[in-house]
Amino acid sequence: MRCKPGMSCCNPYREQVGLSCKYGWQLLCGTNELGRLATHAPASVPQFLTTLLQTFPLSAGFIASHAVSLGHVHSFVVRAALYCAALQTKTERNAYRTQIAGYLNAEKLAQFDQLMSAEWSRLRCK
């Protein structure tokens, strides 16, 4: 199983023979893999969250809900903040924050804001 932006299926063997999956199925496979990693390889969850957020940026809220339910909210907050800070416009960053805000408590949302702001400043050397 692998996730990458622009894939037509998370199974490279299916992709090689021209088979593809719709976006929703790809996202479901990704979140199922997140659950599997949370159970069997928790140390790999942060990196996989980065991969999911890069592959499915319009579904950050869905990914957040799974990360929270699996007990990996801190890893999600850190990875989402880094991803969000790299977005080009303030409008994009605000829309991204809006996607995930309902899945985080006030403390975690404040942590997201702080990390995102620090990373935004670092990326832009301010």
N, C-alpha and C. Protein backbone atom coordinates (compact mmCIF):
# COMPACT_ATOMS: atom_id res chain seq x y z
N MET A 1 0.84 -1.17 0.00
CA MET A 1 0.00 0.00 0.00
C MET A 1 0.88 1.23 0.00
N ARG A 2 0.59 2.16 -0.87
CA ARG A 2 1.34 3.41 -0.89
C ARG A 2 0.40 4.54 -1.29
N CYS A 3 0.72 5.70 -0.77
CA CYS A 3 -0.07 6.90 -1.09
C CYS A 3 0.86 7.94 -1.68
N LYS A 4 0.41 8.57 -2.74
CA LYS A 4 1.16 9.68 -3.30
C LYS A 4 0.20 10.53 -4.12
N PRO A 5 0.44 11.83 -4.15
CA PRO A 5 -0.44 12.70 -4.94
C PRO A 5 -0.50 12.24 -6.39
N GLY A 6 -1.70 12.24 -6.95
CA GLY A 6 -1.89 11.90 -8.35
C GLY A 6 -1.98 10.41 -8.64
N MET A 7 -1.96 9.58 -7.61
CA MET A 7 -2.04 8.13 -7.86
C MET A 7 -3.43 7.78 -8.39
N SER A 8 -3.51 6.67 -9.10
CA SER A 8 -4.82 6.21 -9.53
C SER A 8 -5.30 5.04 -8.67
N CYS A 9 -4.38 4.46 -7.90
CA CYS A 9 -4.72 3.40 -6.95
C CYS A 9 -3.58 3.29 -5.95
N CYS A 10 -3.89 2.92 -4.72
CA CYS A 10 -2.84 2.76 -3.71
C CYS A 10 -2.10 1.43 -3.87
N ASN A 11 -2.62 0.54 -4.69
CA ASN A 11 -1.99 -0.73 -4.96
C ASN A 11 -1.21 -0.61 -6.28
N PRO A 12 0.12 -0.57 -6.22
CA PRO A 12 0.90 -0.35 -7.45
C PRO A 12 0.70 -1.45 -8.49
N TYR A 13 0.36 -2.66 -8.08
CA TYR A 13 0.14 -3.75 -9.03
C TYR A 13 -1.15 -3.54 -9.82
N ARG A 14 -2.17 -3.05 -9.15
CA ARG A 14 -3.41 -2.71 -9.87
C ARG A 14 -3.16 -1.56 -10.83
N GLU A 15 -2.39 -0.60 -10.37
CA GLU A 15 -2.09 0.57 -11.20
C GLU A 15 -1.31 0.17 -12.46
N GLN A 16 -0.38 -0.77 -12.32
CA GLN A 16 0.43 -1.22 -13.46
C GLN A 16 -0.40 -1.83 -14.58
N VAL A 17 -1.52 -2.44 -14.24
CA VAL A 17 -2.36 -3.04 -15.28
C VAL A 17 -3.52 -2.13 -15.68
N GLY A 18 -3.45 -0.86 -15.26
CA GLY A 18 -4.42 0.13 -15.70
C GLY A 18 -5.68 0.23 -14.88
N LEU A 19 -5.72 -0.41 -13.72
CA LEU A 19 -6.90 -0.31 -12.87
C LEU A 19 -6.76 0.91 -11.95
N SER A 20 -7.88 1.48 -11.59
CA SER A 20 -7.83 2.66 -10.73
C SER A 20 -8.97 2.63 -9.73
N CYS A 21 -8.83 3.47 -8.72
CA CYS A 21 -9.86 3.59 -7.68
C CYS A 21 -10.27 5.06 -7.59
N LYS A 22 -11.48 5.29 -7.21
CA LYS A 22 -11.95 6.66 -7.00
C LYS A 22 -11.31 7.24 -5.74
N TYR A 23 -11.30 8.55 -5.67
CA TYR A 23 -10.70 9.30 -4.57
C TYR A 23 -11.15 8.77 -3.21
N GLY A 24 -12.43 8.56 -3.03
CA GLY A 24 -12.96 8.12 -1.74
C GLY A 24 -12.41 6.77 -1.30
N TRP A 25 -12.26 5.86 -2.25
CA TRP A 25 -11.69 4.55 -1.92
C TRP A 25 -10.21 4.68 -1.57
N GLN A 26 -9.51 5.54 -2.28
CA GLN A 26 -8.09 5.78 -1.97
C GLN A 26 -7.95 6.34 -0.56
N LEU A 27 -8.81 7.29 -0.22
CA LEU A 27 -8.78 7.90 1.11
C LEU A 27 -9.11 6.85 2.18
N LEU A 28 -10.06 6.01 1.90
CA LEU A 28 -10.43 4.94 2.83
C LEU A 28 -9.26 3.98 3.04
N CYS A 29 -8.59 3.60 1.96
CA CYS A 29 -7.41 2.73 2.10
C CYS A 29 -6.34 3.41 2.96
N GLY A 30 -6.14 4.71 2.74
CA GLY A 30 -5.15 5.45 3.51
C GLY A 30 -5.47 5.50 4.99
N THR A 31 -6.73 5.75 5.31
CA THR A 31 -7.10 5.82 6.73
C THR A 31 -7.12 4.43 7.37
N ASN A 32 -7.42 3.39 6.59
CA ASN A 32 -7.31 2.03 7.11
C ASN A 32 -5.85 1.70 7.42
N GLU A 33 -4.95 2.12 6.55
CA GLU A 33 -3.53 1.91 6.80
C GLU A 33 -3.08 2.68 8.04
N LEU A 34 -3.61 3.87 8.22
CA LEU A 34 -3.31 4.65 9.42
C LEU A 34 -3.71 3.87 10.67
N GLY A 35 -4.87 3.27 10.66
CA GLY A 35 -5.32 2.46 11.78
C GLY A 35 -4.43 1.25 12.02
N ARG A 36 -4.02 0.60 10.94
CA ARG A 36 -3.14 -0.55 11.06
C ARG A 36 -1.80 -0.14 11.67
N LEU A 37 -1.24 0.98 11.19
CA LEU A 37 0.02 1.46 11.73
C LEU A 37 -0.11 1.87 13.20
N ALA A 38 -1.22 2.49 13.54
CA ALA A 38 -1.43 2.90 14.94
C ALA A 38 -1.41 1.70 15.87
N THR A 39 -1.89 0.58 15.40
CA THR A 39 -1.91 -0.64 16.21
C THR A 39 -0.58 -1.37 16.21
N HIS A 40 0.04 -1.48 15.04
CA HIS A 40 1.20 -2.36 14.90
C HIS A 40 2.55 -1.65 14.77
N ALA A 41 2.54 -0.39 14.39
CA ALA A 41 3.80 0.34 14.21
C ALA A 41 3.60 1.82 14.52
N PRO A 42 3.25 2.14 15.78
CA PRO A 42 2.90 3.52 16.13
C PRO A 42 3.99 4.55 15.84
N ALA A 43 5.23 4.14 15.84
CA ALA A 43 6.31 5.10 15.55
C ALA A 43 6.28 5.59 14.11
N SER A 44 5.63 4.85 13.23
CA SER A 44 5.57 5.27 11.82
C SER A 44 4.34 6.13 11.51
N VAL A 45 3.47 6.33 12.48
CA VAL A 45 2.26 7.12 12.26
C VAL A 45 2.57 8.57 11.86
N PRO A 46 3.47 9.29 12.53
CA PRO A 46 3.70 10.69 12.13
C PRO A 46 4.10 10.84 10.66
N GLN A 47 5.02 10.02 10.18
CA GLN A 47 5.43 10.12 8.79
C GLN A 47 4.28 9.77 7.84
N PHE A 48 3.49 8.76 8.20
CA PHE A 48 2.36 8.40 7.34
C PHE A 48 1.31 9.50 7.33
N LEU A 49 1.13 10.19 8.45
CA LEU A 49 0.20 11.33 8.46
C LEU A 49 0.66 12.40 7.48
N THR A 50 1.95 12.65 7.42
CA THR A 50 2.48 13.61 6.44
C THR A 50 2.11 13.17 5.03
N THR A 51 2.31 11.90 4.75
CA THR A 51 1.98 11.36 3.42
C THR A 51 0.50 11.52 3.13
N LEU A 52 -0.35 11.19 4.08
CA LEU A 52 -1.80 11.34 3.88
C LEU A 52 -2.18 12.79 3.63
N LEU A 53 -1.63 13.70 4.42
CA LEU A 53 -1.99 15.11 4.27
C LEU A 53 -1.53 15.66 2.92
N GLN A 54 -0.41 15.19 2.43
CA GLN A 54 0.07 15.63 1.12
C GLN A 54 -0.74 15.01 -0.01
N THR A 55 -1.18 13.80 0.18
CA THR A 55 -1.93 13.09 -0.86
C THR A 55 -3.39 13.53 -0.91
N PHE A 56 -3.98 13.82 0.24
CA PHE A 56 -5.40 14.17 0.33
C PHE A 56 -5.60 15.50 1.05
N PRO A 57 -5.07 16.60 0.52
CA PRO A 57 -5.16 17.88 1.24
C PRO A 57 -6.59 18.40 1.43
N LEU A 58 -7.50 17.99 0.58
CA LEU A 58 -8.88 18.46 0.71
C LEU A 58 -9.68 17.63 1.71
N SER A 59 -9.04 16.63 2.28
CA SER A 59 -9.71 15.75 3.25
C SER A 59 -9.02 15.77 4.61
N ALA A 60 -8.42 16.89 4.95
CA ALA A 60 -7.70 17.00 6.22
C ALA A 60 -8.62 16.76 7.42
N GLY A 61 -9.86 17.18 7.33
CA GLY A 61 -10.80 16.94 8.43
C GLY A 61 -11.07 15.46 8.63
N PHE A 62 -11.24 14.73 7.55
CA PHE A 62 -11.46 13.28 7.62
C PHE A 62 -10.26 12.59 8.24
N ILE A 63 -9.07 13.00 7.83
CA ILE A 63 -7.83 12.43 8.38
C ILE A 63 -7.71 12.80 9.86
N ALA A 64 -8.06 14.04 10.19
CA ALA A 64 -8.01 14.48 11.59
C ALA A 64 -8.92 13.62 12.45
N SER A 65 -10.12 13.36 11.98
CA SER A 65 -11.05 12.56 12.78
C SER A 65 -10.49 11.17 13.06
N HIS A 66 -9.83 10.59 12.09
CA HIS A 66 -9.23 9.26 12.30
C HIS A 66 -8.03 9.34 13.24
N ALA A 67 -7.19 10.33 13.06
CA ALA A 67 -6.02 10.47 13.93
C ALA A 67 -6.45 10.67 15.38
N VAL A 68 -7.47 11.49 15.59
CA VAL A 68 -7.98 11.74 16.95
C VAL A 68 -8.56 10.44 17.53
N SER A 69 -9.35 9.72 16.74
CA SER A 69 -9.96 8.49 17.26
C SER A 69 -8.93 7.41 17.55
N LEU A 70 -7.78 7.47 16.88
CA LEU A 70 -6.72 6.49 17.10
C LEU A 70 -5.75 6.91 18.20
N GLY A 71 -5.96 8.10 18.77
CA GLY A 71 -5.10 8.58 19.85
C GLY A 71 -3.81 9.22 19.37
N HIS A 72 -3.77 9.68 18.14
CA HIS A 72 -2.58 10.31 17.58
C HIS A 72 -2.83 11.78 17.25
N VAL A 73 -3.55 12.45 18.12
CA VAL A 73 -3.90 13.84 17.87
C VAL A 73 -2.67 14.74 17.86
N HIS A 74 -1.72 14.50 18.76
CA HIS A 74 -0.52 15.35 18.80
C HIS A 74 0.26 15.23 17.49
N SER A 75 0.47 14.02 17.03
CA SER A 75 1.18 13.82 15.76
C SER A 75 0.45 14.51 14.62
N PHE A 76 -0.88 14.41 14.62
CA PHE A 76 -1.65 15.06 13.57
C PHE A 76 -1.47 16.57 13.63
N VAL A 77 -1.57 17.15 14.82
CA VAL A 77 -1.46 18.61 14.97
C VAL A 77 -0.11 19.09 14.44
N VAL A 78 0.95 18.42 14.81
CA VAL A 78 2.29 18.82 14.36
C VAL A 78 2.39 18.73 12.85
N ARG A 79 2.01 17.60 12.27
CA ARG A 79 2.14 17.40 10.83
C ARG A 79 1.22 18.32 10.04
N ALA A 80 0.01 18.53 10.53
CA ALA A 80 -0.92 19.42 9.85
C ALA A 80 -0.43 20.86 9.88
N ALA A 81 0.16 21.28 11.00
CA ALA A 81 0.68 22.64 11.11
C ALA A 81 1.81 22.87 10.11
N LEU A 82 2.70 21.91 9.99
CA LEU A 82 3.80 22.03 9.03
C LEU A 82 3.28 22.09 7.60
N TYR A 83 2.30 21.26 7.30
CA TYR A 83 1.71 21.26 5.95
C TYR A 83 1.02 22.60 5.68
N CYS A 84 0.23 23.04 6.63
CA CYS A 84 -0.54 24.27 6.47
C CYS A 84 0.37 25.48 6.26
N ALA A 85 1.45 25.54 7.00
CA ALA A 85 2.37 26.68 6.90
C ALA A 85 2.97 26.81 5.50
N ALA A 86 3.09 25.70 4.81
CA ALA A 86 3.68 25.72 3.47
C ALA A 86 2.69 26.16 2.39
N LEU A 87 1.41 26.26 2.72
CA LEU A 87 0.44 26.73 1.73
C LEU A 87 0.73 28.18 1.37
N GLN A 88 0.52 28.51 0.11
CA GLN A 88 0.95 29.80 -0.41
C GLN A 88 0.18 31.01 0.10
N THR A 89 -1.13 30.90 0.17
CA THR A 89 -1.93 32.09 0.51
C THR A 89 -2.59 31.97 1.87
N LYS A 90 -2.89 33.11 2.43
CA LYS A 90 -3.58 33.14 3.72
C LYS A 90 -4.96 32.52 3.59
N THR A 91 -5.62 32.72 2.46
CA THR A 91 -6.93 32.14 2.21
C THR A 91 -6.86 30.61 2.26
N GLU A 92 -5.83 30.03 1.64
CA GLU A 92 -5.65 28.58 1.67
C GLU A 92 -5.38 28.10 3.09
N ARG A 93 -4.55 28.82 3.82
CA ARG A 93 -4.24 28.42 5.20
C ARG A 93 -5.48 28.51 6.09
N ASN A 94 -6.28 29.55 5.92
CA ASN A 94 -7.51 29.68 6.71
C ASN A 94 -8.50 28.57 6.37
N ALA A 95 -8.63 28.23 5.10
CA ALA A 95 -9.54 27.16 4.69
C ALA A 95 -9.08 25.82 5.27
N TYR A 96 -7.79 25.61 5.27
CA TYR A 96 -7.23 24.37 5.82
C TYR A 96 -7.52 24.29 7.32
N ARG A 97 -7.29 25.38 8.02
CA ARG A 97 -7.55 25.42 9.47
C ARG A 97 -9.03 25.15 9.75
N THR A 98 -9.90 25.70 8.93
CA THR A 98 -11.34 25.51 9.09
C THR A 98 -11.70 24.03 8.94
N GLN A 99 -11.04 23.33 8.01
CA GLN A 99 -11.30 21.90 7.81
C GLN A 99 -11.08 21.08 9.07
N ILE A 100 -10.03 21.43 9.81
CA ILE A 100 -9.64 20.59 10.95
C ILE A 100 -10.13 21.10 12.30
N ALA A 101 -10.57 22.34 12.35
CA ALA A 101 -10.91 22.98 13.63
C ALA A 101 -11.95 22.20 14.43
N GLY A 102 -12.93 21.64 13.79
CA GLY A 102 -13.99 20.92 14.49
C GLY A 102 -13.56 19.61 15.12
N TYR A 103 -12.38 19.13 14.77
CA TYR A 103 -11.90 17.84 15.29
C TYR A 103 -10.89 18.00 16.43
N LEU A 104 -10.52 19.25 16.71
CA LEU A 104 -9.51 19.51 17.74
C LEU A 104 -10.13 20.30 18.88
N ASN A 105 -9.72 20.01 20.11
CA ASN A 105 -10.19 20.83 21.22
C ASN A 105 -9.45 22.17 21.21
N ALA A 106 -9.85 23.08 22.06
CA ALA A 106 -9.28 24.43 22.06
C ALA A 106 -7.77 24.41 22.29
N GLU A 107 -7.31 23.55 23.17
CA GLU A 107 -5.87 23.47 23.46
C GLU A 107 -5.08 23.01 22.23
N LYS A 108 -5.57 21.98 21.56
CA LYS A 108 -4.88 21.45 20.38
C LYS A 108 -4.97 22.42 19.21
N LEU A 109 -6.08 23.13 19.09
CA LEU A 109 -6.19 24.11 18.02
C LEU A 109 -5.22 25.28 18.25
N ALA A 110 -5.08 25.69 19.51
CA ALA A 110 -4.11 26.74 19.84
C ALA A 110 -2.69 26.26 19.56
N GLN A 111 -2.42 25.00 19.87
CA GLN A 111 -1.11 24.43 19.57
C GLN A 111 -0.87 24.42 18.06
N PHE A 112 -1.88 24.03 17.29
CA PHE A 112 -1.78 24.06 15.83
C PHE A 112 -1.45 25.46 15.35
N ASP A 113 -2.19 26.46 15.86
CA ASP A 113 -1.96 27.85 15.45
C ASP A 113 -0.54 28.30 15.75
N GLN A 114 -0.06 27.95 16.94
CA GLN A 114 1.29 28.35 17.34
C GLN A 114 2.35 27.69 16.45
N LEU A 115 2.22 26.39 16.25
CA LEU A 115 3.19 25.67 15.41
C LEU A 115 3.14 26.14 13.96
N MET A 116 1.94 26.35 13.45
CA MET A 116 1.79 26.80 12.07
C MET A 116 2.41 28.18 11.89
N SER A 117 2.17 29.08 12.83
CA SER A 117 2.72 30.43 12.75
C SER A 117 4.25 30.42 12.81
N ALA A 118 4.79 29.61 13.70
CA ALA A 118 6.25 29.52 13.81
C ALA A 118 6.86 28.95 12.54
N GLU A 119 6.23 27.93 11.97
CA GLU A 119 6.75 27.34 10.72
C GLU A 119 6.58 28.31 9.55
N TRP A 120 5.47 29.01 9.51
CA TRP A 120 5.25 30.00 8.45
C TRP A 120 6.36 31.05 8.50
N SER A 121 6.68 31.55 9.69
CA SER A 121 7.75 32.53 9.85
C SER A 121 9.10 31.95 9.44
N ARG A 122 9.36 30.72 9.84
CA ARG A 122 10.63 30.08 9.49
C ARG A 122 10.77 29.93 7.98
N LEU A 123 9.69 29.49 7.33
CA LEU A 123 9.74 29.29 5.88
C LEU A 123 9.94 30.58 5.11
N ARG A 124 9.45 31.66 5.67
CA ARG A 124 9.53 32.95 4.98
C ARG A 124 10.62 33.86 5.58
N CYS A 125 11.42 33.28 6.48
CA CYS A 125 12.55 33.98 7.11
C CYS A 125 12.14 35.30 7.74
N LYS A 126 11.06 35.27 8.51
CA LYS A 126 10.58 36.49 9.15
C LYS A 126 10.72 36.37 10.64
